[in-house]
Structures are given as structure tokens and as C-alpha cells.
Amino acid sequence: MSWVKLGKILGVIAALIVVFIVSIGNSPLRAPVIALVALGILVAGGNWLNDWLGIRRRSPQFEDAPPTSTVVDDATEETEGGA
């Protein structure tokens, strides 16, 4: 068994234990736990949908832009008349 698979299994078990403990009583952690579970379901569903539709993630492509100077050189602008 690979370490990644073991980590996923232990993570799911820990999440189920937390959800079970929070669902038993009236805990102030109920709303955040439910929100995290719903977010996890949405992310997993989106990943499954992308895979099912055959949409693959593209690697980012960065183009080398010409260097631009962000330094403002106000000291060279002299006023006329020697103020």
C-alpha cells in the first residue's frame, strides 16, 4: 500500500470520526464541519466531472515579458528658476 493511499484512508477515517462526534451533540463546531464536508463533496464532484468529461488540467505557460522599470526617478526633474 502506498503512503498516499494510506494518508487518504486515514484522512477519511479522521473526518468521519469528527463528523460523527459533532453530529451526536449540539456543538458550536457543527456549522464549520458541515460546511467543510459540503465543500469536500463539491470539490470531489467537480474533479470527477472533469475526469468524466475528459477535461485535463493544463500546465501554466508563462511568457517572458520585457523587463519594465518600476523605479520613479523624480530627483532628476529640476524646476526652472532654481526654487
C-alpha atoms as a PDB file:
ATOM      1  CA  MET A   1       0.000   0.000   0.000  1.00  0.00           C
ATOM      2  CA  SER A   2       1.400   3.377  -0.964  1.00  0.00           C
ATOM      3  CA  TRP A   3       1.784   6.207   1.526  1.00  0.00           C
ATOM      4  CA  VAL A   4      -0.599   8.413  -0.447  1.00  0.00           C
ATOM      5  CA  LYS A   5      -3.355   5.806  -0.287  1.00  0.00           C
ATOM      6  CA  LEU A   6      -2.741   5.274   3.431  1.00  0.00           C
ATOM      7  CA  GLY A   7      -2.911   9.037   4.033  1.00  0.00           C
ATOM      8  CA  LYS A   8      -6.200   9.308   2.174  1.00  0.00           C
ATOM      9  CA  ILE A   9      -7.708   6.414   4.117  1.00  0.00           C
ATOM     10  CA  LEU A  10      -6.599   7.824   7.475  1.00  0.00           C
ATOM     11  CA  GLY A  11      -7.850  11.279   6.498  1.00  0.00           C
ATOM     12  CA  VAL A  12     -11.280   9.949   5.597  1.00  0.00           C
ATOM     13  CA  ILE A  13     -11.466   7.961   8.835  1.00  0.00           C
ATOM     14  CA  ALA A  14     -10.482  11.026  10.896  1.00  0.00           C
ATOM     15  CA  ALA A  15     -13.036  13.191   9.078  1.00  0.00           C
ATOM     16  CA  LEU A  16     -15.790  10.618   9.654  1.00  0.00           C
ATOM     17  CA  ILE A  17     -14.939  10.437  13.355  1.00  0.00           C
ATOM     18  CA  VAL A  18     -15.095  14.248  13.679  1.00  0.00           C
ATOM     19  CA  VAL A  19     -18.408  14.394  11.799  1.00  0.00           C
ATOM     20  CA  PHE A  20     -19.829  11.628  13.991  1.00  0.00           C
ATOM     21  CA  ILE A  21     -18.732  13.312  17.231  1.00  0.00           C
ATOM     22  CA  VAL A  22     -20.114  16.693  16.156  1.00  0.00           C
ATOM     23  CA  SER A  23     -23.407  15.200  14.967  1.00  0.00           C
ATOM     24  CA  ILE A  24     -24.066  13.499  18.310  1.00  0.00           C
ATOM     25  CA  GLY A  25     -24.373  16.654  20.395  1.00  0.00           C
ATOM     26  CA  ASN A  26     -25.293  20.276  19.888  1.00  0.00           C
ATOM     27  CA  SER A  27     -21.775  21.537  19.256  1.00  0.00           C
ATOM     28  CA  PRO A  28     -20.728  25.018  18.111  1.00  0.00           C
ATOM     29  CA  LEU A  29     -18.490  23.247  15.591  1.00  0.00           C
ATOM     30  CA  ARG A  30     -21.470  21.810  13.740  1.00  0.00           C
ATOM     31  CA  ALA A  31     -21.711  24.570  11.093  1.00  0.00           C
ATOM     32  CA  PRO A  32     -17.995  24.634  10.155  1.00  0.00           C
ATOM     33  CA  VAL A  33     -17.816  20.843   9.967  1.00  0.00           C
ATOM     34  CA  ILE A  34     -20.917  20.658   7.767  1.00  0.00           C
ATOM     35  CA  ALA A  35     -19.500  23.426   5.555  1.00  0.00           C
ATOM     36  CA  LEU A  36     -16.183  21.578   5.169  1.00  0.00           C
ATOM     37  CA  VAL A  37     -17.951  18.323   4.324  1.00  0.00           C
ATOM     38  CA  ALA A  38     -20.121  20.093   1.741  1.00  0.00           C
ATOM     39  CA  LEU A  39     -17.057  21.794   0.250  1.00  0.00           C
ATOM     40  CA  GLY A  40     -15.244  18.459   0.060  1.00  0.00           C
ATOM     41  CA  ILE A  41     -18.199  16.872  -1.723  1.00  0.00           C
ATOM     42  CA  LEU A  42     -18.354  19.754  -4.212  1.00  0.00           C
ATOM     43  CA  VAL A  43     -14.621  19.585  -4.951  1.00  0.00           C
ATOM     44  CA  ALA A  44     -14.700  15.810  -5.347  1.00  0.00           C
ATOM     45  CA  GLY A  45     -17.745  16.067  -7.612  1.00  0.00           C
ATOM     46  CA  GLY A  46     -16.050  18.711  -9.736  1.00  0.00           C
ATOM     47  CA  ASN A  47     -12.914  16.607 -10.095  1.00  0.00           C
ATOM     48  CA  TRP A  48     -14.994  13.571 -11.035  1.00  0.00           C
ATOM     49  CA  LEU A  49     -16.949  15.620 -13.585  1.00  0.00           C
ATOM     50  CA  ASN A  50     -13.746  16.965 -15.163  1.00  0.00           C
ATOM     51  CA  ASP A  51     -12.380  13.443 -15.427  1.00  0.00           C
ATOM     52  CA  TRP A  52     -15.646  12.092 -16.831  1.00  0.00           C
ATOM     53  CA  LEU A  53     -15.802  14.861 -19.460  1.00  0.00           C
ATOM     54  CA  GLY A  54     -12.151  14.306 -20.356  1.00  0.00           C
ATOM     55  CA  ILE A  55     -11.023  17.778 -19.308  1.00  0.00           C
ATOM     56  CA  ARG A  56      -7.365  17.745 -18.353  1.00  0.00           C
ATOM     57  CA  ARG A  57      -5.637  20.465 -16.381  1.00  0.00           C
ATOM     58  CA  ARG A  58      -3.172  22.405 -18.473  1.00  0.00           C
ATOM     59  CA  SER A  59       0.173  23.328 -17.038  1.00  0.00           C
ATOM     60  CA  PRO A  60       0.669  27.085 -16.699  1.00  0.00           C
ATOM     61  CA  GLN A  61       2.573  28.718 -19.541  1.00  0.00           C
ATOM     62  CA  PHE A  62       4.424  31.885 -18.628  1.00  0.00           C
ATOM     63  CA  GLU A  63       5.698  34.183 -21.325  1.00  0.00           C
ATOM     64  CA  ASP A  64       8.826  36.227 -20.699  1.00  0.00           C
ATOM     65  CA  ALA A  65       7.730  39.844 -20.803  1.00  0.00           C
ATOM     66  CA  PRO A  66      10.273  42.570 -21.378  1.00  0.00           C
ATOM     67  CA  PRO A  67      11.529  43.973 -18.071  1.00  0.00           C
ATOM     68  CA  THR A  68       9.806  47.164 -17.033  1.00  0.00           C
ATOM     69  CA  SER A  69      11.288  49.653 -14.651  1.00  0.00           C
ATOM     70  CA  THR A  70       9.097  50.475 -11.681  1.00  0.00           C
ATOM     71  CA  VAL A  71      11.537  52.989 -10.213  1.00  0.00           C
ATOM     72  CA  VAL A  72      10.299  56.578 -10.413  1.00  0.00           C
ATOM     73  CA  ASP A  73      13.194  58.982 -10.705  1.00  0.00           C
ATOM     74  CA  ASP A  74      11.705  62.279  -9.516  1.00  0.00           C
ATOM     75  CA  ALA A  75      15.037  63.597  -8.301  1.00  0.00           C
ATOM     76  CA  THR A  76      16.187  64.403 -11.852  1.00  0.00           C
ATOM     77  CA  GLU A  77      13.254  66.681 -12.590  1.00  0.00           C
ATOM     78  CA  GLU A  78      14.528  70.148 -11.655  1.00  0.00           C
ATOM     79  CA  THR A  79      12.214  73.099 -11.624  1.00  0.00           C
ATOM     80  CA  GLU A  80      13.061  76.108 -13.729  1.00  0.00           C
ATOM     81  CA  GLY A  81      14.177  79.208 -11.847  1.00  0.00           C
ATOM     82  CA  GLY A  82      16.077  77.485  -9.015  1.00  0.00           C
ATOM     83  CA  ALA A  83      13.376  77.285  -6.379  1.00  0.00           C
END
